Amino acid sequence: MGEALRISGSGMQCIGAYQALPAGKPKGGIVVVQEIFGVNAHIRDIVDGLALEGYAAIAPALFDHVESDIELAYDAEGVARGRSLIGELDIDAVMLDVGSAADAIRSAGKIGVVGYCWGGTIAMLAASRLGLPAVSYYGARNVAWLHEVFSAPLQFHFGANDASIPAAAIERHRQSLPAAEIHVYPAGHGFNCDQRADFDPDSAALARQRTLAFFARHLATVP
């Protein structure tokens, strides 16, 4: 459904992206931020699904600054390689890339961000650094950034059985961001991804419903 394209990235470097557009007038635009596994089939499916819901959606290939066309498997080797790749990226440059992706679909109307895993933390930072409404799925690195000033609405999705995000970390979110929506599911890390062992279809469906309701509220254009 979608298509590959190039957008302006940070440091004067063009990076790849996967974009899908709705059949009619967009309800708004959504930047989809990848996991540590790249803009793979799972992320492309999310982009396509958002387009079917009426949004212009785009996923910037953030690893292109290191190596092009990265798609990693959901196994130990993929995790190790993904962690190594994000270690080579500068967070400020990544935020510039997200902003560039938002600009690429700006004609769709108001822009939001949704991210998963590592991308969940990047999405959260889009609410503080870019002022964009954001939905963060199981961002295990969020706690390090909870001190920032968040100027846009936030929604969080966590798995109660996620060893990388203990209950104390979720409570830190509640204390630091009392205005944010925080949802916890009887699931593990990566519960939204049907390619992962922790995939939980019921939790994924409910989280998607809440995500779409969030964007319907915050990206709606007043007539």
C-alpha atoms as a PDB file:
ATOM      1  CA  MET A   1       0.000   0.000   0.000  1.00  0.00           C
ATOM      2  CA  GLY A   2       2.721   2.454   0.972  1.00  0.00           C
ATOM      3  CA  GLU A   3       5.862   3.493  -0.835  1.00  0.00           C
ATOM      4  CA  ALA A   4       9.507   4.122  -0.127  1.00  0.00           C
ATOM      5  CA  LEU A   5      10.832   7.657  -0.515  1.00  0.00           C
ATOM      6  CA  ARG A   6      13.677   9.912   0.582  1.00  0.00           C
ATOM      7  CA  ILE A   7      13.413  12.798   3.040  1.00  0.00           C
ATOM      8  CA  SER A   8      15.870  15.347   4.375  1.00  0.00           C
ATOM      9  CA  GLY A   9      17.563  14.041   7.489  1.00  0.00           C
ATOM     10  CA  SER A  10      19.884  15.636  10.002  1.00  0.00           C
ATOM     11  CA  GLY A  11      23.403  16.650   9.036  1.00  0.00           C
ATOM     12  CA  MET A  12      22.408  17.433   5.415  1.00  0.00           C
ATOM     13  CA  GLN A  13      21.962  13.714   4.754  1.00  0.00           C
ATOM     14  CA  CYS A  14      18.882  12.324   3.044  1.00  0.00           C
ATOM     15  CA  ILE A  15      17.397   9.236   4.666  1.00  0.00           C
ATOM     16  CA  GLY A  16      14.808   6.732   3.556  1.00  0.00           C
ATOM     17  CA  ALA A  17      11.230   6.571   4.756  1.00  0.00           C
ATOM     18  CA  TYR A  18       8.118   4.486   4.234  1.00  0.00           C
ATOM     19  CA  GLN A  19       4.945   6.485   3.621  1.00  0.00           C
ATOM     20  CA  ALA A  20       1.290   5.602   3.092  1.00  0.00           C
ATOM     21  CA  LEU A  21      -1.519   8.015   2.291  1.00  0.00           C
ATOM     22  CA  PRO A  22      -5.254   7.642   2.804  1.00  0.00           C
ATOM     23  CA  ALA A  23      -7.696   7.363  -0.070  1.00  0.00           C
ATOM     24  CA  GLY A  24      -9.446  10.630   0.766  1.00  0.00           C
ATOM     25  CA  LYS A  25      -8.637  13.823   2.614  1.00  0.00           C
ATOM     26  CA  PRO A  26      -6.340  13.024   5.564  1.00  0.00           C
ATOM     27  CA  LYS A  27      -7.544  13.376   9.129  1.00  0.00           C
ATOM     28  CA  GLY A  28      -4.007  14.473   9.970  1.00  0.00           C
ATOM     29  CA  GLY A  29      -0.505  13.063   9.818  1.00  0.00           C
ATOM     30  CA  ILE A  30       1.326  10.559  12.020  1.00  0.00           C
ATOM     31  CA  VAL A  31       5.065   9.878  12.217  1.00  0.00           C
ATOM     32  CA  VAL A  32       5.751   6.245  13.155  1.00  0.00           C
ATOM     33  CA  VAL A  33       9.048   5.701  14.986  1.00  0.00           C
ATOM     34  CA  GLN A  34      10.704   2.327  14.599  1.00  0.00           C
ATOM     35  CA  GLU A  35      11.875  -0.202  17.167  1.00  0.00           C
ATOM     36  CA  ILE A  36      15.552  -1.129  17.295  1.00  0.00           C
ATOM     37  CA  PHE A  37      14.865  -3.507  14.388  1.00  0.00           C
ATOM     38  CA  GLY A  38      14.509  -0.859  11.684  1.00  0.00           C
ATOM     39  CA  VAL A  39      11.660   0.036   9.356  1.00  0.00           C
ATOM     40  CA  ASN A  40      10.693  -3.594   8.939  1.00  0.00           C
ATOM     41  CA  ALA A  41       7.471  -5.375   7.938  1.00  0.00           C
ATOM     42  CA  HIS A  42       5.902  -4.689  11.347  1.00  0.00           C
ATOM     43  CA  ILE A  43       6.519  -0.938  11.131  1.00  0.00           C
ATOM     44  CA  ARG A  44       5.348  -0.829   7.524  1.00  0.00           C
ATOM     45  CA  ASP A  45       2.153  -2.620   8.563  1.00  0.00           C
ATOM     46  CA  ILE A  46       1.544   0.053  11.209  1.00  0.00           C
ATOM     47  CA  VAL A  47       2.042   2.801   8.625  1.00  0.00           C
ATOM     48  CA  ASP A  48      -0.345   1.095   6.209  1.00  0.00           C
ATOM     49  CA  GLY A  49      -2.913   0.566   8.961  1.00  0.00           C
ATOM     50  CA  LEU A  50      -2.888   4.226   9.929  1.00  0.00           C
ATOM     51  CA  ALA A  51      -3.427   5.199   6.306  1.00  0.00           C
ATOM     52  CA  LEU A  52      -6.463   2.920   6.179  1.00  0.00           C
ATOM     53  CA  GLU A  53      -7.748   4.815   9.225  1.00  0.00           C
ATOM     54  CA  GLY A  54      -7.502   8.070   7.284  1.00  0.00           C
ATOM     55  CA  TYR A  55      -4.072   9.412   8.278  1.00  0.00           C
ATOM     56  CA  ALA A  56      -1.023  10.277   6.209  1.00  0.00           C
ATOM     57  CA  ALA A  57       1.638   8.154   7.914  1.00  0.00           C
ATOM     58  CA  ILE A  58       5.403   7.999   7.545  1.00  0.00           C
ATOM     59  CA  ALA A  59       8.206   6.028   9.187  1.00  0.00           C
ATOM     60  CA  PRO A  60      11.680   7.578   8.796  1.00  0.00           C
ATOM     61  CA  ALA A  61      14.537   5.084   8.448  1.00  0.00           C
ATOM     62  CA  LEU A  62      16.599   6.428  11.337  1.00  0.00           C
ATOM     63  CA  PHE A  63      19.374   3.863  10.933  1.00  0.00           C
ATOM     64  CA  ASP A  64      20.202   5.214   7.475  1.00  0.00           C
ATOM     65  CA  HIS A  65      22.731   7.534   9.114  1.00  0.00           C
ATOM     66  CA  VAL A  66      24.731   4.403   9.916  1.00  0.00           C
ATOM     67  CA  GLU A  67      23.664   1.873   7.284  1.00  0.00           C
ATOM     68  CA  SER A  68      20.859   1.812   4.736  1.00  0.00           C
ATOM     69  CA  ASP A  69      17.939  -0.615   4.531  1.00  0.00           C
ATOM     70  CA  ILE A  70      18.319  -2.139   7.980  1.00  0.00           C
ATOM     71  CA  GLU A  71      15.696  -4.779   8.817  1.00  0.00           C
ATOM     72  CA  LEU A  72      16.634  -6.993  11.762  1.00  0.00           C
ATOM     73  CA  ALA A  73      15.130 -10.236  13.005  1.00  0.00           C
ATOM     74  CA  TYR A  74      13.442 -10.521  16.395  1.00  0.00           C
ATOM     75  CA  ASP A  75      16.162 -12.723  17.848  1.00  0.00           C
ATOM     76  CA  ALA A  76      19.254 -12.333  20.024  1.00  0.00           C
ATOM     77  CA  GLU A  77      21.423 -11.361  17.074  1.00  0.00           C
ATOM     78  CA  GLY A  78      18.885  -8.749  15.943  1.00  0.00           C
ATOM     79  CA  VAL A  79      18.631  -7.290  19.443  1.00  0.00           C
ATOM     80  CA  ALA A  80      22.414  -7.029  19.753  1.00  0.00           C
ATOM     81  CA  ARG A  81      22.766  -5.390  16.344  1.00  0.00           C
ATOM     82  CA  GLY A  82      19.875  -2.999  16.994  1.00  0.00           C
ATOM     83  CA  ARG A  83      21.307  -1.888  20.318  1.00  0.00           C
ATOM     84  CA  SER A  84      24.666  -1.305  18.659  1.00  0.00           C
ATOM     85  CA  LEU A  85      23.049   0.821  15.956  1.00  0.00           C
ATOM     86  CA  ILE A  86      21.130   3.084  18.326  1.00  0.00           C
ATOM     87  CA  GLY A  87      24.365   3.550  20.247  1.00  0.00           C
ATOM     88  CA  GLU A  88      25.800   5.200  17.137  1.00  0.00           C
ATOM     89  CA  LEU A  89      22.958   7.716  16.818  1.00  0.00           C
ATOM     90  CA  ASP A  90      22.833  11.160  18.389  1.00  0.00           C
ATOM     91  CA  ILE A  91      19.478  11.794  20.068  1.00  0.00           C
ATOM     92  CA  ASP A  92      19.342  15.409  18.896  1.00  0.00           C
ATOM     93  CA  ALA A  93      19.930  14.301  15.312  1.00  0.00           C
ATOM     94  CA  VAL A  94      17.205  11.671  15.633  1.00  0.00           C
ATOM     95  CA  MET A  95      14.757  14.358  16.756  1.00  0.00           C
ATOM     96  CA  LEU A  96      15.657  16.414  13.694  1.00  0.00           C
ATOM     97  CA  ASP A  97      14.854  13.374  11.554  1.00  0.00           C
ATOM     98  CA  VAL A  98      11.467  12.996  13.234  1.00  0.00           C
ATOM     99  CA  GLY A  99      10.795  16.679  12.644  1.00  0.00           C
ATOM    100  CA  SER A 100      11.755  16.284   8.988  1.00  0.00           C
ATOM    101  CA  ALA A 101       9.362  13.340   8.644  1.00  0.00           C
ATOM    102  CA  ALA A 102       6.622  15.478  10.185  1.00  0.00           C
ATOM    103  CA  ASP A 103       7.366  18.229   7.664  1.00  0.00           C
ATOM    104  CA  ALA A 104       7.100  15.698   4.816  1.00  0.00           C
ATOM    105  CA  ILE A 105       3.419  15.087   5.667  1.00  0.00           C
ATOM    106  CA  ARG A 106       2.624  18.565   6.988  1.00  0.00           C
ATOM    107  CA  SER A 107       0.010  19.140   4.278  1.00  0.00           C
ATOM    108  CA  ALA A 108      -2.131  16.452   5.945  1.00  0.00           C
ATOM    109  CA  GLY A 109      -2.951  18.804   8.828  1.00  0.00           C
ATOM    110  CA  LYS A 110      -2.022  18.419  12.476  1.00  0.00           C
ATOM    111  CA  ILE A 111       0.808  15.952  13.127  1.00  0.00           C
ATOM    112  CA  GLY A 112       1.235  13.339  15.860  1.00  0.00           C
ATOM    113  CA  VAL A 113       3.887  10.727  16.638  1.00  0.00           C
ATOM    114  CA  VAL A 114       3.681   7.096  17.706  1.00  0.00           C
ATOM    115  CA  GLY A 115       6.699   4.971  18.576  1.00  0.00           C
ATOM    116  CA  TYR A 116       7.510   1.469  19.749  1.00  0.00           C
ATOM    117  CA  CYS A 117      10.283   0.158  22.026  1.00  0.00           C
ATOM    118  CA  TRP A 118      13.237   2.520  21.408  1.00  0.00           C
ATOM    119  CA  GLY A 119      10.868   4.485  19.215  1.00  0.00           C
ATOM    120  CA  GLY A 120       8.509   4.779  22.180  1.00  0.00           C
ATOM    121  CA  THR A 121      11.089   6.936  23.915  1.00  0.00           C
ATOM    122  CA  ILE A 122      11.700   8.971  20.749  1.00  0.00           C
ATOM    123  CA  ALA A 123       7.947   9.528  20.453  1.00  0.00           C
ATOM    124  CA  MET A 124       7.817  10.723  24.066  1.00  0.00           C
ATOM    125  CA  LEU A 125      10.589  13.221  23.348  1.00  0.00           C
ATOM    126  CA  ALA A 126       8.622  14.515  20.363  1.00  0.00           C
ATOM    127  CA  ALA A 127       6.075  15.814  22.882  1.00  0.00           C
ATOM    128  CA  SER A 128       8.739  17.832  24.688  1.00  0.00           C
ATOM    129  CA  ARG A 129      11.141  18.840  21.929  1.00  0.00           C
ATOM    130  CA  LEU A 130       8.809  19.127  18.936  1.00  0.00           C
ATOM    131  CA  GLY A 131       5.544  19.925  20.693  1.00  0.00           C
ATOM    132  CA  LEU A 132       3.706  17.071  18.942  1.00  0.00           C
ATOM    133  CA  PRO A 133       0.995  14.860  20.520  1.00  0.00           C
ATOM    134  CA  ALA A 134       2.637  11.491  21.057  1.00  0.00           C
ATOM    135  CA  VAL A 135       1.853   7.869  21.864  1.00  0.00           C
ATOM    136  CA  SER A 136       4.653   5.823  23.420  1.00  0.00           C
ATOM    137  CA  TYR A 137       4.573   2.011  23.427  1.00  0.00           C
ATOM    138  CA  TYR A 138       6.803   0.238  25.979  1.00  0.00           C
ATOM    139  CA  GLY A 139       9.661   2.736  25.939  1.00  0.00           C
ATOM    140  CA  ALA A 140      12.172   1.178  28.317  1.00  0.00           C
ATOM    141  CA  ARG A 141      14.427   4.251  28.075  1.00  0.00           C
ATOM    142  CA  ASN A 142      11.735   6.781  29.014  1.00  0.00           C
ATOM    143  CA  VAL A 143      12.695   7.250  32.656  1.00  0.00           C
ATOM    144  CA  ALA A 144      15.952   9.004  31.778  1.00  0.00           C
ATOM    145  CA  TRP A 145      13.961  11.796  30.086  1.00  0.00           C
ATOM    146  CA  LEU A 146      11.027  12.286  32.438  1.00  0.00           C
ATOM    147  CA  HIS A 147      12.557  15.535  33.719  1.00  0.00           C
ATOM    148  CA  GLU A 148      11.889  17.304  30.412  1.00  0.00           C
ATOM    149  CA  VAL A 149       9.042  19.803  30.016  1.00  0.00           C
ATOM    150  CA  PHE A 150       6.287  18.248  27.923  1.00  0.00           C
ATOM    151  CA  SER A 151       4.161  20.744  26.028  1.00  0.00           C
ATOM    152  CA  ALA A 152       1.974  18.286  24.119  1.00  0.00           C
ATOM    153  CA  PRO A 153      -0.435  15.480  25.131  1.00  0.00           C
ATOM    154  CA  LEU A 154       1.018  12.050  25.869  1.00  0.00           C
ATOM    155  CA  GLN A 155      -0.330   8.519  25.974  1.00  0.00           C
ATOM    156  CA  PHE A 156       1.674   5.518  27.231  1.00  0.00           C
ATOM    157  CA  HIS A 157       1.210   1.760  26.793  1.00  0.00           C
ATOM    158  CA  PHE A 158       3.090  -0.703  29.006  1.00  0.00           C
ATOM    159  CA  GLY A 159       3.031  -4.444  29.637  1.00  0.00           C
ATOM    160  CA  ALA A 160       2.691  -5.473  33.274  1.00  0.00           C
ATOM    161  CA  ASN A 161       5.006  -8.418  32.595  1.00  0.00           C
ATOM    162  CA  ASP A 162       7.706  -6.396  30.842  1.00  0.00           C
ATOM    163  CA  ALA A 163      10.941  -7.078  32.726  1.00  0.00           C
ATOM    164  CA  SER A 164      12.598  -4.061  31.110  1.00  0.00           C
ATOM    165  CA  ILE A 165       9.949  -1.670  32.515  1.00  0.00           C
ATOM    166  CA  PRO A 166       9.207  -2.592  36.153  1.00  0.00           C
ATOM    167  CA  ALA A 167       6.197  -1.297  38.052  1.00  0.00           C
ATOM    168  CA  ALA A 168       8.373   1.322  39.748  1.00  0.00           C
ATOM    169  CA  ALA A 169       9.287   2.795  36.362  1.00  0.00           C
ATOM    170  CA  ILE A 170       5.625   3.022  35.358  1.00  0.00           C
ATOM    171  CA  GLU A 171       4.894   4.746  38.669  1.00  0.00           C
ATOM    172  CA  ARG A 172       7.635   7.271  37.877  1.00  0.00           C
ATOM    173  CA  HIS A 173       5.675   8.149  34.735  1.00  0.00           C
ATOM    174  CA  ARG A 174       2.524   8.712  36.773  1.00  0.00           C
ATOM    175  CA  GLN A 175       4.337  10.940  39.242  1.00  0.00           C
ATOM    176  CA  SER A 176       6.258  12.939  36.650  1.00  0.00           C
ATOM    177  CA  LEU A 177       3.468  13.240  34.077  1.00  0.00           C
ATOM    178  CA  PRO A 178       0.152  13.391  35.948  1.00  0.00           C
ATOM    179  CA  ALA A 179      -1.703  14.706  32.884  1.00  0.00           C
ATOM    180  CA  ALA A 180      -0.599  11.828  30.645  1.00  0.00           C
ATOM    181  CA  GLU A 181      -2.747   8.821  29.788  1.00  0.00           C
ATOM    182  CA  ILE A 182      -1.059   5.675  31.089  1.00  0.00           C
ATOM    183  CA  HIS A 183      -2.363   2.203  30.234  1.00  0.00           C
ATOM    184  CA  VAL A 184      -0.973  -1.104  31.506  1.00  0.00           C
ATOM    185  CA  TYR A 185      -1.822  -4.467  29.948  1.00  0.00           C
ATOM    186  CA  PRO A 186      -1.462  -8.100  31.102  1.00  0.00           C
ATOM    187  CA  ALA A 187       1.377  -8.619  28.630  1.00  0.00           C
ATOM    188  CA  GLY A 188       5.126  -8.454  28.137  1.00  0.00           C
ATOM    189  CA  HIS A 189       7.463  -6.227  26.132  1.00  0.00           C
ATOM    190  CA  GLY A 190       6.579  -5.820  22.469  1.00  0.00           C
ATOM    191  CA  PHE A 191       3.008  -7.041  22.944  1.00  0.00           C
ATOM    192  CA  ASN A 192       1.828  -5.024  19.938  1.00  0.00           C
ATOM    193  CA  CYS A 193       4.053  -6.845  17.444  1.00  0.00           C
ATOM    194  CA  ASP A 194       2.748 -10.072  15.924  1.00  0.00           C
ATOM    195  CA  GLN A 195       6.311 -11.101  15.054  1.00  0.00           C
ATOM    196  CA  ARG A 196       7.425 -11.211  18.688  1.00  0.00           C
ATOM    197  CA  ALA A 197       7.010 -13.934  21.288  1.00  0.00           C
ATOM    198  CA  ASP A 198       5.244 -11.517  23.642  1.00  0.00           C
ATOM    199  CA  PHE A 199       2.553 -10.620  21.101  1.00  0.00           C
ATOM    200  CA  ASP A 200      -0.794 -10.349  22.873  1.00  0.00           C
ATOM    201  CA  PRO A 201      -3.623  -9.798  20.368  1.00  0.00           C
ATOM    202  CA  ASP A 202      -6.187  -8.635  22.925  1.00  0.00           C
ATOM    203  CA  SER A 203      -3.823  -6.099  24.481  1.00  0.00           C
ATOM    204  CA  ALA A 204      -2.653  -4.970  21.046  1.00  0.00           C
ATOM    205  CA  ALA A 205      -6.226  -4.435  19.862  1.00  0.00           C
ATOM    206  CA  LEU A 206      -7.178  -2.416  22.943  1.00  0.00           C
ATOM    207  CA  ALA A 207      -4.005  -0.335  22.744  1.00  0.00           C
ATOM    208  CA  ARG A 208      -4.662   0.386  19.069  1.00  0.00           C
ATOM    209  CA  GLN A 209      -8.214   1.455  19.865  1.00  0.00           C
ATOM    210  CA  ARG A 210      -6.927   3.847  22.521  1.00  0.00           C
ATOM    211  CA  THR A 211      -4.199   5.123  20.191  1.00  0.00           C
ATOM    212  CA  LEU A 212      -6.682   5.919  17.440  1.00  0.00           C
ATOM    213  CA  ALA A 213      -8.995   7.637  19.936  1.00  0.00           C
ATOM    214  CA  PHE A 214      -6.048   9.737  21.175  1.00  0.00           C
ATOM    215  CA  PHE A 215      -5.177  10.904  17.673  1.00  0.00           C
ATOM    216  CA  ALA A 216      -8.825  11.510  16.813  1.00  0.00           C
ATOM    217  CA  ARG A 217      -8.981  13.908  19.771  1.00  0.00           C
ATOM    218  CA  HIS A 218      -5.702  15.683  19.327  1.00  0.00           C
ATOM    219  CA  LEU A 219      -5.330  15.854  15.537  1.00  0.00           C
ATOM    220  CA  ALA A 220      -8.901  16.804  14.741  1.00  0.00           C
ATOM    221  CA  THR A 221      -9.282  20.022  12.808  1.00  0.00           C
ATOM    222  CA  VAL A 222     -11.954  22.389  14.060  1.00  0.00           C
ATOM    223  CA  PRO A 223     -14.326  23.222  11.163  1.00  0.00           C
END
